[in-house]
Protein backbone atom coordinates (compact mmCIF):
# COMPACT_ATOMS: atom_id res chain seq x y z
CA MET A 1 67.01 -59.62 -16.82
CA GLY A 2 66.71 -56.00 -16.29
CA LEU A 3 66.30 -56.24 -12.77
CA ASN A 4 69.72 -58.73 -12.25
CA LEU A 5 71.98 -56.50 -14.28
CA SER A 6 70.71 -53.71 -11.89
CA PHE A 7 71.34 -55.61 -8.62
CA PHE A 8 74.77 -56.55 -10.70
CA PHE A 9 75.57 -52.79 -11.36
CA LEU A 10 74.83 -51.66 -7.66
CA VAL A 11 76.28 -53.83 -6.06
CA PHE A 12 79.45 -53.45 -8.67
CA PHE A 13 80.01 -49.72 -8.16
CA PHE A 14 78.54 -49.43 -4.37
CA LEU A 15 80.88 -52.34 -3.10
CA PRO A 16 83.90 -50.49 -3.51
CA SER A 17 82.98 -47.37 -1.84
CA GLY A 18 83.57 -49.32 1.19
CA PHE A 19 86.98 -49.82 0.24
CA VAL A 20 88.21 -46.34 0.48
CA SER A 21 90.73 -45.44 2.58
CA SER A 22 89.71 -44.08 6.40
CA THR A 23 90.21 -40.20 6.46
CA HIS A 24 90.31 -40.78 10.48
CA ILE A 25 93.07 -42.04 12.92
CA SER A 26 90.37 -43.68 14.63
CA LYS A 27 90.15 -43.22 18.04
CA ALA A 28 90.52 -46.91 19.25
CA ALA A 29 93.41 -47.18 17.37
CA LEU A 30 94.76 -43.71 19.48
CA GLU A 31 93.76 -44.74 23.28
CA GLY A 32 94.19 -48.95 22.64
CA HIS A 33 97.53 -49.06 22.82
CA GLU A 34 97.13 -48.86 26.30
CA THR A 35 95.19 -51.25 27.13
CA ILE A 36 97.91 -54.28 27.19
CA GLY A 37 94.86 -56.06 29.45
CA ARG A 38 92.97 -56.48 26.26
CA ILE A 39 96.25 -57.10 24.22
CA LEU A 40 97.17 -60.06 25.87
CA LEU A 41 94.68 -61.61 25.44
CA GLN A 42 93.93 -60.70 21.63
CA ALA A 43 95.74 -62.41 19.36
CA LYS A 44 96.96 -59.98 17.04
CA LYS A 45 98.90 -60.14 14.00
CA GLU A 46 102.57 -58.50 13.41
CA CYS A 47 102.38 -54.92 11.68
CA ASP A 48 103.95 -55.65 8.31
CA GLU A 49 105.08 -51.28 8.81
CA ASP A 50 108.83 -50.78 9.75
CA PHE A 51 107.98 -48.35 12.19
CA GLN A 52 111.58 -48.69 13.78
CA HIS A 53 113.60 -47.14 11.41
CA LYS A 54 110.20 -44.49 10.59
CA ASN A 55 112.33 -40.59 10.68
CA TYR A 56 110.48 -39.23 14.09
CA THR A 57 112.26 -35.51 13.25
CA ILE A 58 108.49 -34.18 12.73
CA LEU A 59 107.30 -35.26 16.00
CA THR A 60 109.66 -34.40 17.98
CA THR A 61 110.83 -31.19 16.88
CA MET A 62 106.84 -29.95 16.33
CA CYS A 63 105.51 -31.39 20.06
CA LYS A 64 107.90 -30.53 23.10
CA GLY A 65 107.51 -30.43 26.56
CA PRO A 66 106.61 -29.75 28.76
CA GLN A 67 103.53 -27.72 27.31
CA TYR A 68 102.43 -30.40 24.18
CA PRO A 69 100.75 -27.33 22.35
CA ARG A 70 97.75 -29.44 20.96
CA GLU A 71 97.97 -28.16 17.80
CA GLY A 72 101.66 -29.13 17.03
CA CYS A 73 101.44 -32.31 18.75
CA CYS A 74 98.29 -33.67 16.32
CA ASN A 75 99.30 -31.91 13.16
CA ALA A 76 103.22 -33.28 13.83
CA LEU A 77 101.27 -36.99 14.26
CA SER A 78 98.59 -36.79 11.67
CA GLU A 79 101.53 -36.06 9.26
CA PHE A 80 103.95 -38.73 10.71
CA ALA A 81 100.50 -41.55 10.79
CA CYS A 82 98.24 -40.15 8.32
CA PRO A 83 100.02 -42.04 5.94
CA PHE A 84 99.97 -45.59 7.57
CA VAL A 85 96.03 -45.23 8.03
CA ASP A 86 94.44 -48.40 7.29
CA LYS A 87 97.29 -50.31 9.34
CA VAL A 88 97.45 -48.29 12.43
CA ASN A 89 93.08 -48.63 12.67
CA ASP A 90 93.03 -52.55 11.51
CA GLN A 91 92.17 -53.69 15.55
CA GLY A 92 93.82 -57.04 14.09
CA ASN A 93 97.40 -56.27 13.45
CA ASN A 94 99.84 -54.65 16.23
CA CYS A 95 100.25 -51.67 14.19
CA ALA A 96 99.26 -48.88 16.59
CA SER A 97 100.73 -50.57 19.93
CA THR A 98 103.94 -50.22 17.73
CA MET A 99 103.71 -47.05 16.07
CA PHE A 100 103.17 -45.33 19.40
CA SER A 101 106.00 -47.06 21.11
CA TYR A 102 108.37 -45.40 19.08
CA ILE A 103 106.30 -42.55 19.14
CA ASN A 104 106.72 -42.56 22.74
CA LEU A 105 110.60 -44.35 22.90
CA TYR A 106 112.35 -41.31 20.09
CA GLY A 107 110.11 -38.80 21.69
CA LYS A 108 109.73 -39.16 25.51
CA TYR A 109 106.17 -38.66 25.73
CA PRO A 110 104.51 -39.09 28.53
CA PRO A 111 101.77 -42.08 28.60
CA GLY A 112 98.67 -41.25 26.61
CA LEU A 113 99.51 -37.36 25.40
CA PHE A 114 98.40 -38.06 21.83
CA ALA A 115 95.10 -40.08 23.01
CA ASN A 116 94.16 -37.11 25.50
CA LEU A 117 95.29 -34.40 23.29
CA CYS A 118 94.45 -35.48 19.78
CA THR A 119 90.96 -36.87 20.28
CA LYS A 120 88.69 -33.37 20.12
CA ASP A 121 87.10 -35.10 17.40
CA LYS A 122 84.70 -38.21 18.56
CA GLU A 123 86.04 -40.19 15.23
CA GLY A 124 89.56 -39.64 16.66
CA LEU A 125 92.93 -37.51 14.56
CA LEU A 126 91.52 -35.84 10.71
CA CYS A 127 93.72 -36.76 7.98
CA PRO A 128 94.50 -34.64 5.53
CA GLU A 129 92.88 -35.42 2.15
CA ALA A 130 95.22 -36.71 -0.05
CA PRO A 131 95.81 -34.73 -3.61
CA LYS A 132 92.97 -35.42 -5.48
CA SER A 133 95.48 -36.21 -9.32
CA SER A 134 96.39 -39.18 -7.25
CA ALA A 135 93.33 -40.72 -6.01
CA PRO A 136 92.01 -43.86 -7.98
CA PRO A 137 89.75 -43.03 -11.15
CA PHE A 138 85.90 -43.96 -9.33
CA THR A 139 86.83 -43.81 -5.80
CA HIS A 140 84.62 -40.73 -5.23
CA PRO A 141 81.13 -41.33 -4.04
CA ALA A 142 79.59 -38.46 -6.81
CA LEU A 143 81.49 -40.42 -9.46
CA LEU A 144 80.72 -43.74 -8.25
CA ILE A 145 76.73 -42.56 -8.12
CA LEU A 146 77.29 -41.02 -11.57
CA ALA A 147 78.18 -44.16 -13.36
CA SER A 148 75.94 -46.48 -11.40
CA ALA A 149 72.79 -44.19 -12.73
CA PHE A 150 74.73 -43.95 -15.52
CA LEU A 151 74.56 -47.87 -15.95
CA LEU A 152 71.66 -48.58 -15.09
CA THR A 153 69.65 -46.21 -17.10
CA LEU A 154 71.36 -48.46 -20.04
CA SER A 155 70.94 -51.42 -18.47
CA HIS A 156 66.78 -50.15 -18.59
CA LEU A 157 67.10 -49.43 -22.68
CA LEU A 158 68.70 -53.16 -23.90
């Protein structure tokens, strides 16, 4: 009985840690919108985010040519795209390609600009972490470990 309870608590508390939001806009999302050949062969779901009516001012004011400063462009992209990081990183939908189509339309950016500037990190573009107060309880890995250890100890006492 103790082993089954222990297994239950491990699964119940560690499984949600895999669902914590990503902190990067993946390299695939930054680069994937340019590979039309692969996109034609894959059936992708329509993006449920309305990128057509977003405010692109942060990008068009901080990322200007002809120099396109890396820091300004990547910070602007991070500020604009990170609120949608889960949707943009989902390879099963067309959110990344839709978002970059509108970014390039409104900003008149050269193809591949953000993929070339903003993939210094091997995982992609780093997103700033959300404020701690807005995080739901038990999503921080340290809290999950402490809660699991407490519950495992408690299950052995019962």
